[in-house]
Protein backbone atom coordinates (compact mmCIF):
# COMPACT_ATOMS: atom_id res chain seq x y z
CA UNK A 1 -10.27 12.96 -16.21
CA UNK A 2 -13.36 10.78 -15.89
CA UNK A 3 -14.85 10.33 -12.40
CA UNK A 4 -14.03 6.61 -12.31
CA UNK A 5 -10.31 7.35 -12.79
CA UNK A 6 -9.78 9.14 -9.47
CA UNK A 7 -11.14 9.13 -5.94
CA UNK A 8 -11.16 12.30 -3.85
CA UNK A 9 -10.17 11.86 -0.23
CA UNK A 10 -13.25 12.33 1.93
CA UNK A 11 -11.90 13.92 5.09
CA UNK A 12 -12.14 17.25 6.98
CA UNK A 13 -8.92 18.71 5.57
CA UNK A 14 -8.49 22.49 5.18
CA UNK A 15 -9.79 23.88 1.85
CA UNK A 16 -6.27 24.50 0.54
CA UNK A 17 -5.33 20.81 0.88
CA UNK A 18 -6.07 18.61 -2.13
CA UNK A 19 -5.86 14.82 -1.88
CA UNK A 20 -6.65 12.20 -4.51
CA UNK A 21 -5.94 8.58 -5.39
CA UNK A 22 -6.04 7.17 -8.90
CA UNK A 23 -7.69 3.94 -9.99
CA UNK A 24 -6.71 1.61 -12.83
CA UNK A 25 -9.42 3.04 -15.12
CA UNK A 26 -8.37 4.89 -18.27
CA UNK A 27 -4.78 5.30 -19.37
CA UNK A 28 -3.01 3.55 -22.25
CA UNK A 29 -1.05 0.75 -20.58
CA UNK A 30 -1.60 -2.78 -21.85
CA UNK A 31 -1.29 -6.38 -20.70
CA UNK A 32 -1.19 -6.96 -16.92
CA UNK A 33 -0.64 -3.20 -16.49
CA UNK A 34 -3.74 -2.37 -18.53
CA UNK A 35 -5.18 0.98 -17.70
CA UNK A 36 -3.79 3.89 -15.78
CA UNK A 37 -0.48 2.51 -14.53
CA UNK A 38 1.75 5.24 -13.10
CA UNK A 39 4.76 3.13 -12.07
CA UNK A 40 7.94 3.13 -14.15
CA UNK A 41 9.65 0.44 -12.04
CA UNK A 42 7.45 -2.40 -13.31
CA UNK A 43 7.87 -3.94 -16.77
CA UNK A 44 5.33 -1.66 -18.42
CA UNK A 45 6.18 0.29 -21.55
CA UNK A 46 7.90 3.50 -20.44
CA UNK A 47 6.23 5.54 -23.17
CA UNK A 48 2.83 4.46 -21.87
CA UNK A 49 3.78 5.29 -18.28
CA UNK A 50 5.07 8.71 -19.29
CA UNK A 51 1.82 9.37 -21.16
CA UNK A 52 -0.26 8.28 -18.17
CA UNK A 53 1.74 10.59 -15.90
CA UNK A 54 1.22 13.53 -18.25
CA UNK A 55 -2.50 12.83 -18.30
CA UNK A 56 -2.55 12.80 -14.51
CA UNK A 57 -0.85 16.20 -14.24
CA UNK A 58 -3.17 17.74 -16.81
CA UNK A 59 -6.41 16.20 -15.58
CA UNK A 60 -5.93 17.17 -11.94
CA UNK A 61 -4.32 20.50 -12.87
CA UNK A 62 -1.43 19.69 -10.56
CA UNK A 63 0.69 22.72 -9.64
CA UNK A 64 3.87 20.65 -10.29
CA UNK A 65 4.89 17.15 -11.28
CA UNK A 66 4.43 14.65 -8.45
CA UNK A 67 7.61 13.87 -6.53
CA UNK A 68 7.80 10.18 -7.43
CA UNK A 69 9.74 8.08 -4.93
CA UNK A 70 11.86 4.96 -5.17
CA UNK A 71 9.95 3.01 -2.53
CA UNK A 72 11.82 0.32 -0.62
CA UNK A 73 9.40 -0.71 2.19
CA UNK A 74 11.33 1.33 4.74
CA UNK A 75 10.61 4.28 7.01
CA UNK A 76 12.58 7.13 5.43
CA UNK A 77 10.51 10.26 4.79
CA UNK A 78 12.03 13.04 2.74
CA UNK A 79 11.35 16.76 2.85
CA UNK A 80 10.64 17.77 -0.74
CA UNK A 81 12.27 21.17 -0.25
CA UNK A 82 15.61 19.49 0.43
CA UNK A 83 17.04 18.12 -2.86
CA UNK A 84 20.00 16.59 -1.04
CA UNK A 85 17.76 13.85 0.36
CA UNK A 86 17.25 12.11 -2.97
CA UNK A 87 14.15 10.09 -3.78
CA UNK A 88 14.74 6.67 -2.17
CA UNK A 89 12.11 6.78 0.56
CA UNK A 90 8.66 5.57 1.52
CA UNK A 91 7.20 8.92 2.35
CA UNK A 92 7.47 12.60 1.54
CA UNK A 93 6.56 15.76 3.37
CA UNK A 94 6.29 19.36 2.25
CA UNK A 95 5.72 22.70 3.98
CA UNK A 96 5.46 24.55 0.66
CA UNK A 97 2.31 25.06 -1.36
CA UNK A 98 2.50 23.76 -4.92
CA UNK A 99 4.69 20.72 -4.23
CA UNK A 100 2.95 17.38 -4.78
CA UNK A 101 3.68 14.44 -2.47
CA UNK A 102 2.96 11.02 -3.97
CA UNK A 103 3.19 7.32 -3.16
CA UNK A 104 2.35 4.33 -5.36
CA UNK A 105 0.57 1.20 -4.16
CA UNK A 106 -1.14 -2.00 -5.31
CA UNK A 107 -2.26 -3.60 -1.98
CA UNK A 108 -0.02 -1.70 0.47
CA UNK A 109 -1.68 1.08 2.42
CA UNK A 110 -1.28 4.70 1.27
CA UNK A 111 -1.69 7.17 4.13
CA UNK A 112 -2.10 10.90 3.52
CA UNK A 113 -1.52 13.39 6.33
CA UNK A 114 -2.11 17.09 6.83
CA UNK A 115 -2.20 19.36 9.84
CA UNK A 116 -5.39 21.21 10.65
CA UNK A 117 -3.68 24.55 10.01
CA UNK A 118 -3.05 23.52 6.41
CA UNK A 119 0.67 24.30 6.53
CA UNK A 120 2.04 20.79 5.93
CA UNK A 121 1.10 17.66 4.03
CA UNK A 122 2.66 14.21 3.69
CA UNK A 123 2.18 10.96 1.80
CA UNK A 124 3.28 7.62 3.28
CA UNK A 125 3.64 4.13 1.76
CA UNK A 126 2.71 1.71 4.53
CA UNK A 127 3.15 -1.91 3.59
CA UNK A 128 3.27 -4.40 6.46
CA UNK A 129 7.04 -3.94 6.77
CA UNK A 130 6.65 -0.18 6.99
CA UNK A 131 3.86 -0.51 9.54
CA UNK A 132 5.97 -2.85 11.64
CA UNK A 133 8.96 -0.51 11.46
CA UNK A 134 6.92 2.55 12.49
CA UNK A 135 6.53 4.65 9.35
CA UNK A 136 3.19 6.05 10.54
CA UNK A 137 4.56 7.14 13.88
CA UNK A 138 7.59 8.65 12.16
CA UNK A 139 5.40 10.52 9.68
CA UNK A 140 3.21 12.00 12.40
CA UNK A 141 6.26 13.06 14.39
CA UNK A 142 7.59 14.93 11.35
CA UNK A 143 4.42 17.00 10.98
CA UNK A 144 4.38 20.53 12.45
CA UNK A 145 1.79 20.63 15.20
CA UNK A 146 1.84 16.85 15.38
CA UNK A 147 -0.87 16.87 18.03
CA UNK A 148 -3.39 18.15 15.48
CA UNK A 149 -2.90 15.91 12.45
CA UNK A 150 -5.55 14.46 10.15
CA UNK A 151 -5.07 11.18 8.30
CA UNK A 152 -6.76 9.53 5.31
CA UNK A 153 -6.34 5.84 4.53
CA UNK A 154 -6.42 5.07 0.82
CA UNK A 155 -7.15 1.82 -1.05
CA UNK A 156 -5.38 -1.26 0.33
CA UNK A 157 -5.97 -5.00 0.54
CA UNK A 158 -9.01 -5.80 2.67
CA UNK A 159 -9.07 -7.50 6.08
CA UNK A 160 -10.40 -10.83 4.80
CA UNK A 161 -7.84 -11.09 1.99
CA UNK A 162 -4.51 -10.23 3.59
CA UNK A 163 -3.43 -13.68 4.79
CA UNK A 164 0.03 -13.92 6.38
CA UNK A 165 2.12 -16.29 8.46
CA UNK A 166 2.81 -16.13 12.19
CA UNK A 167 6.22 -14.55 11.52
CA UNK A 168 4.53 -11.47 10.00
CA UNK A 169 2.08 -11.18 12.89
CA UNK A 170 4.97 -11.33 15.36
CA UNK A 171 6.68 -8.42 13.60
CA UNK A 172 3.47 -6.37 13.57
CA UNK A 173 2.58 -7.00 17.21
CA UNK A 174 5.12 -4.71 18.95
CA UNK A 175 3.56 -1.29 19.36
CA UNK A 176 0.03 -2.72 19.40
CA UNK A 177 -0.34 -2.41 23.18
CA UNK A 178 -1.31 -6.08 23.39
CA UNK A 179 -4.44 -5.48 21.29
CA UNK A 180 -4.58 -8.03 18.46
CA UNK A 181 -8.05 -7.09 17.24
CA UNK A 182 -6.45 -6.44 13.84
CA UNK A 183 -5.60 -10.12 13.53
CA UNK A 184 -7.93 -13.12 13.07
CA UNK A 185 -7.09 -16.78 12.56
CA UNK A 186 -7.37 -18.24 9.08
CA UNK A 187 -8.76 -21.70 8.42
CA UNK A 188 -5.23 -22.60 7.30
CA UNK A 189 -3.09 -23.64 10.29
CA UNK A 190 -0.38 -21.09 11.08
CA UNK A 191 -2.01 -18.41 8.93
CA UNK A 192 -3.72 -15.19 9.97
CA UNK A 193 -5.78 -12.47 8.34
CA UNK A 194 -4.48 -8.99 9.10
CA UNK A 195 -6.68 -5.89 8.93
CA UNK A 196 -4.11 -3.27 8.04
CA UNK A 197 -6.75 -0.53 8.19
CA UNK A 198 -7.51 -1.36 11.83
CA UNK A 199 -3.81 -1.72 12.61
CA UNK A 200 -3.05 1.66 11.01
CA UNK A 201 -5.86 3.34 12.95
CA UNK A 202 -4.58 1.82 16.17
CA UNK A 203 -1.04 3.02 15.55
CA UNK A 204 -2.16 6.48 14.46
CA UNK A 205 -4.28 6.85 17.59
CA UNK A 206 -1.32 5.86 19.74
CA UNK A 207 0.68 8.56 17.93
CA UNK A 208 -1.96 11.16 18.80
CA UNK A 209 -4.01 11.19 15.59
CA UNK A 210 -7.68 10.92 16.52
CA UNK A 211 -9.18 12.10 13.21
CA UNK A 212 -8.68 9.24 10.74
CA UNK A 213 -10.83 8.85 7.63
CA UNK A 214 -11.00 6.38 4.74
CA UNK A 215 -10.11 2.72 4.98
CA UNK A 216 -13.16 1.27 3.24
CA UNK A 217 -11.66 -0.18 0.06
CA UNK A 218 -10.27 -3.57 -0.98
CA UNK A 219 -7.75 -3.61 -3.80
CA UNK A 220 -7.89 -7.42 -3.99
CA UNK A 221 -11.63 -7.84 -4.52
CA UNK A 222 -12.33 -4.63 -6.46
CA UNK A 223 -10.50 -5.93 -9.51
CA UNK A 224 -12.06 -3.59 -12.07
CA UNK A 225 -11.16 -0.57 -9.98
CA UNK A 226 -7.72 -1.29 -8.52
CA UNK A 227 -4.46 -3.07 -9.23
CA UNK A 228 -3.56 -5.80 -6.74
CA UNK A 229 -0.15 -7.45 -6.53
CA UNK A 230 -1.55 -10.35 -4.51
CA UNK A 231 -4.30 -10.96 -7.04
CA UNK A 232 -2.32 -10.39 -10.23
CA UNK A 233 1.40 -10.72 -9.56
CA UNK A 234 2.68 -8.47 -12.34
CA UNK A 235 0.52 -5.35 -12.27
CA UNK A 236 0.49 -1.56 -12.37
CA UNK A 237 0.32 0.87 -9.47
CA UNK A 238 -2.16 3.51 -8.31
CA UNK A 239 -0.92 6.86 -7.02
CA UNK A 240 -2.05 8.69 -3.90
CA UNK A 241 -1.36 12.42 -4.12
CA UNK A 242 -1.55 15.37 -1.74
CA UNK A 243 -0.59 19.02 -2.06
CA UNK A 244 -1.44 22.51 -0.81
CA UNK A 245 -3.01 24.91 -3.28
CA UNK A 246 -0.62 27.81 -3.93
CA UNK A 247 -3.54 30.07 -4.88
CA UNK A 248 -5.33 29.76 -1.52
């Protein structure tokens, strides 16, 4: 896989933890999904998506196929070792090396977690609804040794592009300890710009996570690098992946 097709998470994770996010570069999808679309729930050609997924597994030498989720903007987080939990969730967690947690995004915030001991990893899909409902706090609470968790914030819409109405701000405000530094007024009356990176950091810190990395991308403005639902409407999805190396 070419360097422009993936981004390695830059964080102080244990050596056995591998974490990557894809970009839209490469792949064989066409039209509004052009490039390396990994989502089979959009209107892309399923043959192209399947080919892109095979290329991902081969290029990153994944120890298993990613555990793709049916994301619904909720707070459910499944344990991959438990097949009874199905795949409708917005996060996954594993305590076993070789299992690959994955979430797909195109403006929403992907958050990857691991504990410093390197015995657990998780991937969370944190759109504004998930943030408001507490998916980050729930993910941290599920981690063994949840007082020593590391987090990496993957590519999401930037703070000067995520414009929302007052009703969204009101739903995001609980749990913010009265600190609205993640929110600035737009020039449009009744509209606000939300910095979901800052909001995520604030919520993670309140949950006991002091080591947070990443959060310096903008899916909306970096159009040649990322898909963006707000920019494009119909579009593909990037994947954020994390796993523990079974050979280490």
